[in-house]
Amino acid sequence: MSYKNGKDVLPDKLLQELQKYIQGELVYIPKPEQKRAGWGENNGTRKLIERRNSEIYLMYNGGTSIRELIQRFHLSEDSIRKIIVKTRGKRDTYSKVEAGR
Protein backbone atom coordinates (compact mmCIF):
# COMPACT_ATOMS: atom_id res chain seq x y z
CA MET A 1 0.00 0.00 0.00
CA SER A 2 1.40 3.40 -0.89
CA TYR A 3 0.67 6.64 0.88
CA LYS A 4 -0.58 9.72 -0.91
CA ASN A 5 -0.49 13.32 0.22
CA GLY A 6 -4.03 14.60 0.75
CA LYS A 7 -3.26 17.93 -0.92
CA ASP A 8 -2.29 16.04 -4.08
CA VAL A 9 -5.39 13.85 -4.33
CA LEU A 10 -8.27 15.58 -2.50
CA PRO A 11 -10.31 18.63 -3.50
CA ASP A 12 -9.43 21.71 -1.40
CA LYS A 13 -12.83 21.82 0.34
CA LEU A 14 -12.63 18.16 1.35
CA LEU A 15 -9.05 18.55 2.56
CA GLN A 16 -10.05 21.54 4.70
CA GLU A 17 -12.97 19.59 6.16
CA LEU A 18 -10.75 16.61 7.00
CA GLN A 19 -8.20 18.92 8.64
CA LYS A 20 -10.88 19.89 11.18
CA TYR A 21 -10.80 16.29 12.45
CA ILE A 22 -7.24 15.08 11.90
CA GLN A 23 -3.96 16.78 11.00
CA GLY A 24 -0.56 15.34 10.22
CA GLU A 25 -1.58 11.72 10.88
CA LEU A 26 -2.08 8.74 8.62
CA VAL A 27 -5.64 7.78 7.72
CA TYR A 28 -6.65 4.55 5.99
CA ILE A 29 -9.62 4.90 3.64
CA PRO A 30 -11.06 1.45 2.89
CA LYS A 31 -12.63 0.41 -0.37
CA PRO A 32 -16.42 0.38 -0.46
CA GLU A 33 -17.71 -2.98 0.82
CA GLN A 34 -19.21 -4.08 -2.51
CA LYS A 35 -15.79 -3.79 -4.18
CA ARG A 36 -13.89 -5.85 -1.62
CA ALA A 37 -13.23 -9.44 -2.53
CA GLY A 38 -13.86 -12.09 0.09
CA TRP A 39 -11.07 -14.14 1.59
CA GLY A 40 -9.42 -16.33 -1.03
CA GLU A 41 -11.63 -15.20 -3.92
CA ASN A 42 -8.93 -13.46 -5.94
CA ASN A 43 -6.24 -16.12 -5.72
CA GLY A 44 -8.46 -19.21 -5.95
CA THR A 45 -7.75 -20.47 -2.43
CA ARG A 46 -11.43 -20.52 -1.50
CA LYS A 47 -12.33 -22.78 -4.44
CA LEU A 48 -9.37 -25.03 -3.73
CA ILE A 49 -10.48 -25.54 -0.12
CA GLU A 50 -14.11 -26.07 -1.18
CA ARG A 51 -12.97 -28.80 -3.59
CA ARG A 52 -10.82 -30.42 -0.90
CA ASN A 53 -13.69 -30.32 1.59
CA SER A 54 -16.06 -31.83 -0.96
CA GLU A 55 -13.55 -34.61 -1.62
CA ILE A 56 -13.25 -35.28 2.13
CA TYR A 57 -17.03 -35.50 2.43
CA LEU A 58 -17.41 -37.82 -0.57
CA MET A 59 -14.61 -40.08 0.65
CA TYR A 60 -16.18 -40.25 4.12
CA ASN A 61 -19.58 -41.11 2.60
CA GLY A 62 -17.85 -43.74 0.51
CA GLY A 63 -16.53 -45.50 3.59
CA THR A 64 -13.15 -43.90 4.20
CA SER A 65 -12.48 -43.69 7.94
CA ILE A 66 -11.78 -40.48 9.82
CA ARG A 67 -8.30 -41.82 10.63
CA GLU A 68 -7.53 -42.36 6.90
CA LEU A 69 -8.78 -38.85 6.08
CA ILE A 70 -6.55 -37.38 8.81
CA GLN A 71 -3.52 -39.12 7.32
CA ARG A 72 -4.35 -38.26 3.74
CA PHE A 73 -5.19 -34.58 4.21
CA HIS A 74 -2.90 -33.83 7.19
CA LEU A 75 -5.73 -32.28 9.20
CA SER A 76 -6.80 -32.81 12.79
CA GLU A 77 -9.70 -35.07 13.68
CA ASP A 78 -11.66 -32.01 14.81
CA SER A 79 -11.09 -30.30 11.43
CA ILE A 80 -12.17 -33.38 9.47
CA ARG A 81 -15.34 -33.73 11.55
CA LYS A 82 -16.18 -30.02 11.12
CA ILE A 83 -15.71 -30.29 7.35
CA ILE A 84 -18.00 -33.33 7.17
CA VAL A 85 -20.75 -31.70 9.24
CA LYS A 86 -20.52 -28.38 7.39
CA THR A 87 -20.47 -30.00 3.94
CA ARG A 88 -23.36 -32.30 4.86
CA GLY A 89 -25.39 -29.23 5.89
CA LYS A 90 -24.66 -27.46 2.60
CA ARG A 91 -25.60 -30.51 0.55
CA ASP A 92 -28.82 -31.06 2.53
CA THR A 93 -29.83 -27.44 1.95
CA TYR A 94 -29.01 -27.74 -1.76
CA SER A 95 -31.03 -30.96 -2.03
CA LYS A 96 -34.08 -29.33 -0.43
CA VAL A 97 -33.88 -26.40 -2.86
CA GLU A 98 -33.59 -28.77 -5.83
CA ALA A 99 -36.53 -30.88 -4.61
CA GLY A 100 -38.72 -27.81 -4.35
CA ARG A 101 -38.33 -26.89 -8.03
PDB file of N, CA and C in Angstrom:
ATOM      1  N   MET A   1       0.858  -1.159   0.000  1.00  0.00           N
ATOM      2  CA  MET A   1       0.000   0.000   0.000  1.00  0.00           C
ATOM      3  C   MET A   1       0.903   1.220   0.000  1.00  0.00           C
ATOM      4  N   SER A   2       0.618   2.171  -0.862  1.00  0.00           N
ATOM      5  CA  SER A   2       1.402   3.397  -0.891  1.00  0.00           C
ATOM      6  C   SER A   2       0.597   4.543  -0.275  1.00  0.00           C
ATOM      7  N   TYR A   3       1.316   5.491   0.259  1.00  0.00           N
ATOM      8  CA  TYR A   3       0.673   6.643   0.880  1.00  0.00           C
ATOM      9  C   TYR A   3       0.636   7.798  -0.104  1.00  0.00           C
ATOM     10  N   LYS A   4      -0.417   8.570  -0.032  1.00  0.00           N
ATOM     11  CA  LYS A   4      -0.582   9.721  -0.912  1.00  0.00           C
ATOM     12  C   LYS A   4      -0.794  10.955  -0.043  1.00  0.00           C
ATOM     13  N   ASN A   5      -0.290  12.071  -0.499  1.00  0.00           N
ATOM     14  CA  ASN A   5      -0.492  13.324   0.220  1.00  0.00           C
ATOM     15  C   ASN A   5      -1.889  13.832  -0.102  1.00  0.00           C
ATOM     16  N   GLY A   6      -2.656  14.142   0.936  1.00  0.00           N
ATOM     17  CA  GLY A   6      -4.032  14.602   0.751  1.00  0.00           C
ATOM     18  C   GLY A   6      -4.146  15.805  -0.159  1.00  0.00           C
ATOM     19  N   LYS A   7      -3.183  16.723  -0.078  1.00  0.00           N
ATOM     20  CA  LYS A   7      -3.263  17.934  -0.920  1.00  0.00           C
ATOM     21  C   LYS A   7      -3.075  17.615  -2.399  1.00  0.00           C
ATOM     22  N   ASP A   8      -2.488  16.434  -2.687  1.00  0.00           N
ATOM     23  CA  ASP A   8      -2.286  16.036  -4.078  1.00  0.00           C
ATOM     24  C   ASP A   8      -3.482  15.288  -4.657  1.00  0.00           C
ATOM     25  N   VAL A   9      -4.334  14.701  -3.805  1.00  0.00           N
ATOM     26  CA  VAL A   9      -5.394  13.849  -4.326  1.00  0.00           C
ATOM     27  C   VAL A   9      -6.814  14.285  -3.927  1.00  0.00           C
ATOM     28  N   LEU A  10      -6.945  15.186  -2.969  1.00  0.00           N
ATOM     29  CA  LEU A  10      -8.273  15.585  -2.500  1.00  0.00           C
ATOM     30  C   LEU A  10      -8.623  16.997  -2.941  1.00  0.00           C
ATOM     31  N   PRO A  11      -9.886  17.257  -3.216  1.00  0.00           N
ATOM     32  CA  PRO A  11     -10.306  18.632  -3.504  1.00  0.00           C
ATOM     33  C   PRO A  11     -10.054  19.510  -2.266  1.00  0.00           C
ATOM     34  N   ASP A  12      -9.770  20.802  -2.494  1.00  0.00           N
ATOM     35  CA  ASP A  12      -9.431  21.711  -1.398  1.00  0.00           C
ATOM     36  C   ASP A  12     -10.482  21.714  -0.289  1.00  0.00           C
ATOM     37  N   LYS A  13     -11.756  21.760  -0.657  1.00  0.00           N
ATOM     38  CA  LYS A  13     -12.835  21.815   0.335  1.00  0.00           C
ATOM     39  C   LYS A  13     -12.821  20.562   1.216  1.00  0.00           C
ATOM     40  N   LEU A  14     -12.648  19.413   0.602  1.00  0.00           N
ATOM     41  CA  LEU A  14     -12.634  18.157   1.350  1.00  0.00           C
ATOM     42  C   LEU A  14     -11.406  18.102   2.263  1.00  0.00           C
ATOM     43  N   LEU A  15     -10.264  18.530   1.758  1.00  0.00           N
ATOM     44  CA  LEU A  15      -9.046  18.552   2.561  1.00  0.00           C
ATOM     45  C   LEU A  15      -9.232  19.447   3.784  1.00  0.00           C
ATOM     46  N   GLN A  16      -9.818  20.625   3.581  1.00  0.00           N
ATOM     47  CA  GLN A  16     -10.048  21.536   4.703  1.00  0.00           C
ATOM     48  C   GLN A  16     -11.010  20.926   5.723  1.00  0.00           C
ATOM     49  N   GLU A  17     -12.017  20.230   5.258  1.00  0.00           N
ATOM     50  CA  GLU A  17     -12.973  19.586   6.159  1.00  0.00           C
ATOM     51  C   GLU A  17     -12.283  18.477   6.968  1.00  0.00           C
ATOM     52  N   LEU A  18     -11.466  17.670   6.304  1.00  0.00           N
ATOM     53  CA  LEU A  18     -10.748  16.612   7.002  1.00  0.00           C
ATOM     54  C   LEU A  18      -9.775  17.177   8.035  1.00  0.00           C
ATOM     55  N   GLN A  19      -9.169  18.313   7.717  1.00  0.00           N
ATOM     56  CA  GLN A  19      -8.205  18.925   8.639  1.00  0.00           C
ATOM     57  C   GLN A  19      -8.869  19.389   9.939  1.00  0.00           C
ATOM     58  N   LYS A  20     -10.174  19.537   9.940  1.00  0.00           N
ATOM     59  CA  LYS A  20     -10.884  19.887  11.179  1.00  0.00           C
ATOM     60  C   LYS A  20     -10.851  18.715  12.159  1.00  0.00           C
ATOM     61  N   TYR A  21     -10.734  17.496  11.636  1.00  0.00           N
ATOM     62  CA  TYR A  21     -10.795  16.295  12.454  1.00  0.00           C
ATOM     63  C   TYR A  21      -9.433  15.669  12.726  1.00  0.00           C
ATOM     64  N   ILE A  22      -8.540  15.747  11.767  1.00  0.00           N
ATOM     65  CA  ILE A  22      -7.235  15.084  11.901  1.00  0.00           C
ATOM     66  C   ILE A  22      -6.212  15.869  11.090  1.00  0.00           C
ATOM     67  N   GLN A  23      -5.018  16.027  11.680  1.00  0.00           N
ATOM     68  CA  GLN A  23      -3.959  16.779  11.004  1.00  0.00           C
ATOM     69  C   GLN A  23      -2.627  16.074  11.203  1.00  0.00           C
ATOM     70  N   GLY A  24      -1.896  15.895  10.142  1.00  0.00           N
ATOM     71  CA  GLY A  24      -0.556  15.341  10.224  1.00  0.00           C
ATOM     72  C   GLY A  24      -0.476  13.877  10.616  1.00  0.00           C
ATOM     73  N   GLU A  25      -1.580  13.147  10.546  1.00  0.00           N
ATOM     74  CA  GLU A  25      -1.580  11.723  10.876  1.00  0.00           C
ATOM     75  C   GLU A  25      -1.977  10.911   9.657  1.00  0.00           C
ATOM     76  N   LEU A  26      -1.711   9.622   9.721  1.00  0.00           N
ATOM     77  CA  LEU A  26      -2.076   8.740   8.624  1.00  0.00           C
ATOM     78  C   LEU A  26      -3.515   8.272   8.804  1.00  0.00           C
ATOM     79  N   VAL A  27      -4.253   8.240   7.703  1.00  0.00           N
ATOM     80  CA  VAL A  27      -5.638   7.780   7.715  1.00  0.00           C
ATOM     81  C   VAL A  27      -5.791   6.736   6.623  1.00  0.00           C
ATOM     82  N   TYR A  28      -6.369   5.597   6.979  1.00  0.00           N
ATOM     83  CA  TYR A  28      -6.654   4.549   5.989  1.00  0.00           C
ATOM     84  C   TYR A  28      -8.083   4.736   5.520  1.00  0.00           C
ATOM     85  N   ILE A  29      -8.277   4.786   4.217  1.00  0.00           N
ATOM     86  CA  ILE A  29      -9.618   4.904   3.643  1.00  0.00           C
ATOM     87  C   ILE A  29      -9.914   3.599   2.918  1.00  0.00           C
ATOM     88  N   PRO A  30     -10.790   2.762   3.491  1.00  0.00           N
ATOM     89  CA  PRO A  30     -11.060   1.446   2.894  1.00  0.00           C
ATOM     90  C   PRO A  30     -11.877   1.558   1.609  1.00  0.00           C
ATOM     91  N   LYS A  31     -11.793   0.501   0.830  1.00  0.00           N
ATOM     92  CA  LYS A  31     -12.628   0.406  -0.370  1.00  0.00           C
ATOM     93  C   LYS A  31     -14.080   0.248   0.062  1.00  0.00           C
ATOM     94  N   PRO A  32     -15.015   0.654  -0.784  1.00  0.00           N
ATOM     95  CA  PRO A  32     -16.420   0.378  -0.457  1.00  0.00           C
ATOM     96  C   PRO A  32     -16.627  -1.133  -0.337  1.00  0.00           C
ATOM     97  N   GLU A  33     -17.503  -1.558   0.551  1.00  0.00           N
ATOM     98  CA  GLU A  33     -17.712  -2.977   0.824  1.00  0.00           C
ATOM     99  C   GLU A  33     -18.013  -3.791  -0.432  1.00  0.00           C
ATOM    100  N   GLN A  34     -18.826  -3.296  -1.340  1.00  0.00           N
ATOM    101  CA  GLN A  34     -19.209  -4.083  -2.507  1.00  0.00           C
ATOM    102  C   GLN A  34     -18.036  -4.328  -3.450  1.00  0.00           C
ATOM    103  N   LYS A  35     -16.941  -3.594  -3.300  1.00  0.00           N
ATOM    104  CA  LYS A  35     -15.794  -3.789  -4.176  1.00  0.00           C
ATOM    105  C   LYS A  35     -14.736  -4.694  -3.555  1.00  0.00           C
ATOM    106  N   ARG A  36     -14.878  -5.014  -2.287  1.00  0.00           N
ATOM    107  CA  ARG A  36     -13.888  -5.849  -1.622  1.00  0.00           C
ATOM    108  C   ARG A  36     -14.160  -7.320  -1.909  1.00  0.00           C
ATOM    109  N   ALA A  37     -13.111  -8.000  -2.282  1.00  0.00           N
ATOM    110  CA  ALA A  37     -13.232  -9.440  -2.526  1.00  0.00           C
ATOM    111  C   ALA A  37     -13.187 -10.176  -1.195  1.00  0.00           C
ATOM    112  N   GLY A  38     -13.895 -11.270  -1.112  1.00  0.00           N
ATOM    113  CA  GLY A  38     -13.858 -12.093   0.087  1.00  0.00           C
ATOM    114  C   GLY A  38     -12.541 -12.839   0.185  1.00  0.00           C
ATOM    115  N   TRP A  39     -12.295 -13.420   1.370  1.00  0.00           N
ATOM    116  CA  TRP A  39     -11.067 -14.143   1.588  1.00  0.00           C
ATOM    117  C   TRP A  39     -10.907 -15.248   0.554  1.00  0.00           C
ATOM    118  N   GLY A  40      -9.758 -15.267  -0.110  1.00  0.00           N
ATOM    119  CA  GLY A  40      -9.419 -16.332  -1.034  1.00  0.00           C
ATOM    120  C   GLY A  40     -10.103 -16.285  -2.381  1.00  0.00           C
ATOM    121  N   GLU A  41     -10.911 -15.256  -2.650  1.00  0.00           N
ATOM    122  CA  GLU A  41     -11.629 -15.204  -3.922  1.00  0.00           C
ATOM    123  C   GLU A  41     -10.720 -14.815  -5.081  1.00  0.00           C
ATOM    124  N   ASN A  42      -9.786 -13.927  -4.853  1.00  0.00           N
ATOM    125  CA  ASN A  42      -8.935 -13.455  -5.941  1.00  0.00           C
ATOM    126  C   ASN A  42      -7.859 -14.454  -6.347  1.00  0.00           C
ATOM    127  N   ASN A  43      -7.346 -15.214  -5.395  1.00  0.00           N
ATOM    128  CA  ASN A  43      -6.245 -16.124  -5.724  1.00  0.00           C
ATOM    129  C   ASN A  43      -6.674 -17.584  -5.868  1.00  0.00           C
ATOM    130  N   GLY A  44      -7.964 -17.860  -5.734  1.00  0.00           N
ATOM    131  CA  GLY A  44      -8.463 -19.211  -5.945  1.00  0.00           C
ATOM    132  C   GLY A  44      -8.392 -20.136  -4.743  1.00  0.00           C
ATOM    133  N   THR A  45      -7.892 -19.636  -3.623  1.00  0.00           N
ATOM    134  CA  THR A  45      -7.755 -20.474  -2.429  1.00  0.00           C
ATOM    135  C   THR A  45      -9.097 -20.973  -1.941  1.00  0.00           C
ATOM    136  N   ARG A  46     -10.106 -20.124  -1.983  1.00  0.00           N
ATOM    137  CA  ARG A  46     -11.428 -20.520  -1.500  1.00  0.00           C
ATOM    138  C   ARG A  46     -11.957 -21.720  -2.287  1.00  0.00           C
ATOM    139  N   LYS A  47     -11.850 -21.674  -3.613  1.00  0.00           N
ATOM    140  CA  LYS A  47     -12.334 -22.779  -4.444  1.00  0.00           C
ATOM    141  C   LYS A  47     -11.523 -24.051  -4.200  1.00  0.00           C
ATOM    142  N   LEU A  48     -10.236 -23.884  -3.994  1.00  0.00           N
ATOM    143  CA  LEU A  48      -9.373 -25.032  -3.726  1.00  0.00           C
ATOM    144  C   LEU A  48      -9.794 -25.730  -2.431  1.00  0.00           C
ATOM    145  N   ILE A  49     -10.062 -24.970  -1.398  1.00  0.00           N
ATOM    146  CA  ILE A  49     -10.483 -25.543  -0.120  1.00  0.00           C
ATOM    147  C   ILE A  49     -11.878 -26.151  -0.231  1.00  0.00           C
ATOM    148  N   GLU A  50     -12.768 -25.497  -0.979  1.00  0.00           N
ATOM    149  CA  GLU A  50     -14.108 -26.075  -1.176  1.00  0.00           C
ATOM    150  C   GLU A  50     -14.025 -27.420  -1.884  1.00  0.00           C
ATOM    151  N   ARG A  51     -13.147 -27.520  -2.887  1.00  0.00           N
ATOM    152  CA  ARG A  51     -12.967 -28.796  -3.589  1.00  0.00           C
ATOM    153  C   ARG A  51     -12.402 -29.861  -2.653  1.00  0.00           C
ATOM    154  N   ARG A  52     -11.399 -29.481  -1.862  1.00  0.00           N
ATOM    155  CA  ARG A  52     -10.822 -30.418  -0.905  1.00  0.00           C
ATOM    156  C   ARG A  52     -11.873 -30.900   0.089  1.00  0.00           C
ATOM    157  N   ASN A  53     -12.663 -29.956   0.613  1.00  0.00           N
ATOM    158  CA  ASN A  53     -13.693 -30.320   1.590  1.00  0.00           C
ATOM    159  C   ASN A  53     -14.748 -31.232   0.980  1.00  0.00           C
ATOM    160  N   SER A  54     -15.104 -30.978  -0.265  1.00  0.00           N
ATOM    161  CA  SER A  54     -16.064 -31.834  -0.958  1.00  0.00           C
ATOM    162  C   SER A  54     -15.487 -33.235  -1.131  1.00  0.00           C
ATOM    163  N   GLU A  55     -14.205 -33.305  -1.461  1.00  0.00           N
ATOM    164  CA  GLU A  55     -13.546 -34.605  -1.618  1.00  0.00           C
ATOM    165  C   GLU A  55     -13.536 -35.361  -0.288  1.00  0.00           C
ATOM    166  N   ILE A  56     -13.242 -34.663   0.800  1.00  0.00           N
ATOM    167  CA  ILE A  56     -13.252 -35.284   2.130  1.00  0.00           C
ATOM    168  C   ILE A  56     -14.633 -35.851   2.428  1.00  0.00           C
ATOM    169  N   TYR A  57     -15.659 -35.065   2.162  1.00  0.00           N
ATOM    170  CA  TYR A  57     -17.029 -35.501   2.432  1.00  0.00           C
ATOM    171  C   TYR A  57     -17.397 -36.731   1.595  1.00  0.00           C
ATOM    172  N   LEU A  58     -17.078 -36.690   0.313  1.00  0.00           N
ATOM    173  CA  LEU A  58     -17.409 -37.816  -0.569  1.00  0.00           C
ATOM    174  C   LEU A  58     -16.653 -39.072  -0.164  1.00  0.00           C
ATOM    175  N   MET A  59     -15.387 -38.922   0.214  1.00  0.00           N
ATOM    176  CA  MET A  59     -14.612 -40.084   0.646  1.00  0.00           C
ATOM    177  C   MET A  59     -15.192 -40.664   1.931  1.00  0.00           C
ATOM    178  N   TYR A  60     -15.586 -39.788   2.857  1.00  0.00           N
ATOM    179  CA  TYR A  60     -16.176 -40.248   4.118  1.00  0.00           C
ATOM    180  C   TYR A  60     -17.477 -41.001   3.845  1.00  0.00           C
ATOM    181  N   ASN A  61     -18.321 -40.447   2.972  1.00  0.00           N
ATOM    182  CA  ASN A  61     -19.580 -41.114   2.602  1.00  0.00           C
ATOM    183  C   ASN A  61     -19.323 -42.431   1.887  1.00  0.00           C
ATOM    184  N   GLY A  62     -18.191 -42.516   1.224  1.00  0.00           N
ATOM    185  CA  GLY A  62     -17.846 -43.743   0.510  1.00  0.00           C
ATOM    186  C   GLY A  62     -17.209 -44.801   1.391  1.00  0.00           C
ATOM    187  N   GLY A  63     -17.052 -44.506   2.681  1.00  0.00           N
ATOM    188  CA  GLY A  63     -16.533 -45.505   3.590  1.00  0.00           C
ATOM    189  C   GLY A  63     -15.136 -45.267   4.123  1.00  0.00           C
ATOM    190  N   THR A  64     -14.486 -44.203   3.684  1.00  0.00           N
ATOM    191  CA  THR A  64     -13.145 -43.896   4.200  1.00  0.00           C
ATOM    192  C   THR A  64     -13.269 -43.473   5.661  1.00  0.00           C
ATOM    193  N   SER A  65     -12.407 -44.000   6.502  1.00  0.00           N
ATOM    194  CA  SER A  65     -12.482 -43.692   7.936  1.00  0.00           C
ATOM    195  C   SER A  65     -11.918 -42.298   8.219  1.00  0.00           C
ATOM    196  N   ILE A  66     -12.295 -41.773   9.368  1.00  0.00           N
ATOM    197  CA  ILE A  66     -11.776 -40.477   9.817  1.00  0.00           C
ATOM    198  C   ILE A  66     -10.255 -40.551   9.926  1.00  0.00           C
ATOM    199  N   ARG A  67      -9.743 -41.645  10.462  1.00  0.00           N
ATOM    200  CA  ARG A  67      -8.295 -41.824  10.628  1.00  0.00           C
ATOM    201  C   ARG A  67      -7.579 -41.753   9.273  1.00  0.00           C
ATOM    202  N   GLU A  68      -8.135 -42.401   8.252  1.00  0.00           N
ATOM    203  CA  GLU A  68      -7.532 -42.359   6.904  1.00  0.00           C
ATOM    204  C   GLU A  68      -7.571 -40.946   6.330  1.00  0.00           C
ATOM    205  N   LEU A  69      -8.667 -40.231   6.567  1.00  0.00           N
ATOM    206  CA  LEU A  69      -8.784 -38.854   6.082  1.00  0.00           C
ATOM    207  C   LEU A  69      -7.761 -37.943   6.767  1.00  0.00           C
ATOM    208  N   ILE A  70      -7.547 -38.158   8.061  1.00  0.00           N
ATOM    209  CA  ILE A  70      -6.546 -37.380   8.812  1.00  0.00           C
ATOM    210  C   ILE A  70      -5.174 -37.575   8.182  1.00  0.00           C
ATOM    211  N   GLN A  71      -4.830 -38.824   7.889  1.00  0.00           N
ATOM    212  CA  GLN A  71      -3.516 -39.121   7.323  1.00  0.00           C
ATOM    213  C   GLN A  71      -3.379 -38.593   5.900  1.00  0.00           C
ATOM    214  N   ARG A  72      -4.429 -38.691   5.135  1.00  0.00           N
ATOM    215  CA  ARG A  72      -4.350 -38.263   3.736  1.00  0.00           C
ATOM    216  C   ARG A  72      -4.286 -36.745   3.595  1.00  0.00           C
ATOM    217  N   PHE A  73      -5.092 -36.026   4.379  1.00  0.00           N
ATOM    218  CA  PHE A  73      -5.190 -34.578   4.212  1.00  0.00           C
ATOM    219  C   PHE A  73      -4.387 -33.785   5.250  1.00  0.00           C
ATOM    220  N   HIS A  74      -3.743 -34.483   6.175  1.00  0.00           N
ATOM    221  CA  HIS A  74      -2.903 -33.830   7.188  1.00  0.00           C
ATOM    222  C   HIS A  74      -3.676 -32.776   7.983  1.00  0.00           C
ATOM    223  N   LEU A  75      -4.886 -33.149   8.386  1.00  0.00           N
ATOM    224  CA  LEU A  75      -5.727 -32.282   9.197  1.00  0.00           C
ATOM    225  C   LEU A  75      -6.039 -32.986  10.508  1.00  0.00           C
ATOM    226  N   SER A  76      -6.445 -32.212  11.500  1.00  0.00           N
ATOM    227  CA  SER A  76      -6.802 -32.808  12.790  1.00  0.00           C
ATOM    228  C   SER A  76      -8.156 -33.508  12.684  1.00  0.00           C
ATOM    229  N   GLU A  77      -8.419 -34.380  13.647  1.00  0.00           N
ATOM    230  CA  GLU A  77      -9.702 -35.071  13.677  1.00  0.00           C
ATOM    231  C   GLU A  77     -10.842 -34.059  13.790  1.00  0.00           C
ATOM    232  N   ASP A  78     -10.643 -33.048  14.625  1.00  0.00           N
ATOM    233  CA  ASP A  78     -11.657 -32.012  14.806  1.00  0.00           C
ATOM    234  C   ASP A  78     -11.956 -31.296  13.478  1.00  0.00           C
ATOM    235  N   SER A  79     -10.902 -30.981  12.721  1.00  0.00           N
ATOM    236  CA  SER A  79     -11.089 -30.305  11.431  1.00  0.00           C
ATOM    237  C   SER A  79     -11.853 -31.184  10.447  1.00  0.00           C
ATOM    238  N   ILE A  80     -11.487 -32.447  10.373  1.00  0.00           N
ATOM    239  CA  ILE A  80     -12.165 -33.380   9.467  1.00  0.00           C
ATOM    240  C   ILE A  80     -13.644 -33.473   9.825  1.00  0.00           C
ATOM    241  N   ARG A  81     -13.938 -33.625  11.110  1.00  0.00           N
ATOM    242  CA  ARG A  81     -15.337 -33.726  11.546  1.00  0.00           C
ATOM    243  C   ARG A  81     -16.124 -32.457  11.223  1.00  0.00           C
ATOM    244  N   LYS A  82     -15.513 -31.299  11.435  1.00  0.00           N
ATOM    245  CA  LYS A  82     -16.181 -30.022  11.119  1.00  0.00           C
ATOM    246  C   LYS A  82     -16.482 -29.921   9.626  1.00  0.00           C
ATOM    247  N   ILE A  83     -15.522 -30.327   8.811  1.00  0.00           N
ATOM    248  CA  ILE A  83     -15.712 -30.287   7.355  1.00  0.00           C
ATOM    249  C   ILE A  83     -16.872 -31.186   6.949  1.00  0.00           C
ATOM    250  N   ILE A  84     -16.931 -32.379   7.510  1.00  0.00           N
ATOM    251  CA  ILE A  84     -17.998 -33.331   7.167  1.00  0.00           C
ATOM    252  C   ILE A  84     -19.359 -32.763   7.556  1.00  0.00           C
ATOM    253  N   VAL A  85     -19.465 -32.243   8.774  1.00  0.00           N
ATOM    254  CA  VAL A  85     -20.745 -31.697   9.244  1.00  0.00           C
ATOM    255  C   VAL A  85     -21.163 -30.487   8.411  1.00  0.00           C
ATOM    256  N   LYS A  86     -20.217 -29.597   8.151  1.00  0.00           N
ATOM    257  CA  LYS A  86     -20.523 -28.380   7.386  1.00  0.00           C
ATOM    258  C   LYS A  86     -20.917 -28.725   5.947  1.00  0.00           C
ATOM    259  N   THR A  87     -20.182 -29.615   5.324  1.00  0.00           N
ATOM    260  CA  THR A  87     -20.470 -29.999   3.940  1.00  0.00           C
ATOM    261  C   THR A  87     -21.797 -30.734   3.856  1.00  0.00           C
ATOM    262  N   ARG A  88     -22.074 -31.592   4.829  1.00  0.00           N
ATOM    263  CA  ARG A  88     -23.356 -32.303   4.859  1.00  0.00           C
ATOM    264  C   ARG A  88     -24.504 -31.294   4.929  1.00  0.00           C
ATOM    265  N   GLY A  89     -24.362 -30.262   5.755  1.00  0.00           N
ATOM    266  CA  GLY A  89     -25.387 -29.226   5.886  1.00  0.00           C
ATOM    267  C   GLY A  89     -25.616 -28.479   4.591  1.00  0.00           C
ATOM    268  N   LYS A  90     -24.536 -28.150   3.883  1.00  0.00           N
ATOM    269  CA  LYS A  90     -24.661 -27.458   2.601  1.00  0.00           C
ATOM    270  C   LYS A  90     -25.371 -28.328   1.579  1.00  0.00           C
ATOM    271  N   ARG A  91     -25.006 -29.593   1.532  1.00  0.00           N
ATOM    272  CA  ARG A  91     -25.596 -30.512   0.552  1.00  0.00           C
ATOM    273  C   ARG A  91     -27.071 -30.768   0.853  1.00  0.00           C
ATOM    274  N   ASP A  92     -27.417 -30.866   2.149  1.00  0.00           N
ATOM    275  CA  ASP A  92     -28.819 -31.060   2.530  1.00  0.00           C
ATOM    276  C   ASP A  92     -29.651 -29.857   2.114  1.00  0.00           C
ATOM    277  N   THR A  93     -29.123 -28.661   2.332  1.00  0.00           N
ATOM    278  CA  THR A  93     -29.828 -27.440   1.952  1.00  0.00           C
ATOM    279  C   THR A  93     -30.012 -27.389   0.441  1.00  0.00           C
ATOM    280  N   TYR A  94     -28.957 -27.750  -0.308  1.00  0.00           N
ATOM    281  CA  TYR A  94     -29.013 -27.738  -1.764  1.00  0.00           C
ATOM    282  C   TYR A  94     -30.047 -28.750  -2.258  1.00  0.00           C
ATOM    283  N   SER A  95     -30.085 -29.932  -1.639  1.00  0.00           N
ATOM    284  CA  SER A  95     -31.031 -30.964  -2.029  1.00  0.00           C
ATOM    285  C   SER A  95     -32.482 -30.505  -1.822  1.00  0.00           C
ATOM    286  N   LYS A  96     -32.727 -29.824  -0.720  1.00  0.00           N
ATOM    287  CA  LYS A  96     -34.085 -29.330  -0.431  1.00  0.00           C
ATOM    288  C   LYS A  96     -34.510 -28.280  -1.461  1.00  0.00           C
ATOM    289  N   VAL A  97     -33.583 -27.425  -1.854  1.00  0.00           N
ATOM    290  CA  VAL A  97     -33.885 -26.403  -2.862  1.00  0.00           C
ATOM    291  C   VAL A  97     -34.192 -27.074  -4.192  1.00  0.00           C
ATOM    292  N   GLU A  98     -33.370 -28.053  -4.572  1.00  0.00           N
ATOM    293  CA  GLU A  98     -33.587 -28.774  -5.832  1.00  0.00           C
ATOM    294  C   GLU A  98     -34.920 -29.517  -5.830  1.00  0.00           C
ATOM    295  N   ALA A  99     -35.274 -30.120  -4.705  1.00  0.00           N
ATOM    296  CA  ALA A  99     -36.526 -30.884  -4.608  1.00  0.00           C
ATOM    297  C   ALA A  99     -37.737 -29.978  -4.714  1.00  0.00           C
ATOM    298  N   GLY A 100     -37.604 -28.741  -4.314  1.00  0.00           N
ATOM    299  CA  GLY A 100     -38.723 -27.807  -4.347  1.00  0.00           C
ATOM    300  C   GLY A 100     -38.983 -27.198  -5.707  1.00  0.00           C
ATOM    301  N   ARG A 101     -38.160 -27.484  -6.678  1.00  0.00           N
ATOM    302  CA  ARG A 101     -38.334 -26.890  -8.026  1.00  0.00           C
ATOM    303  C   ARG A 101     -39.461 -27.514  -8.770  1.00  0.00           C
TER     304      ARG A 101
END
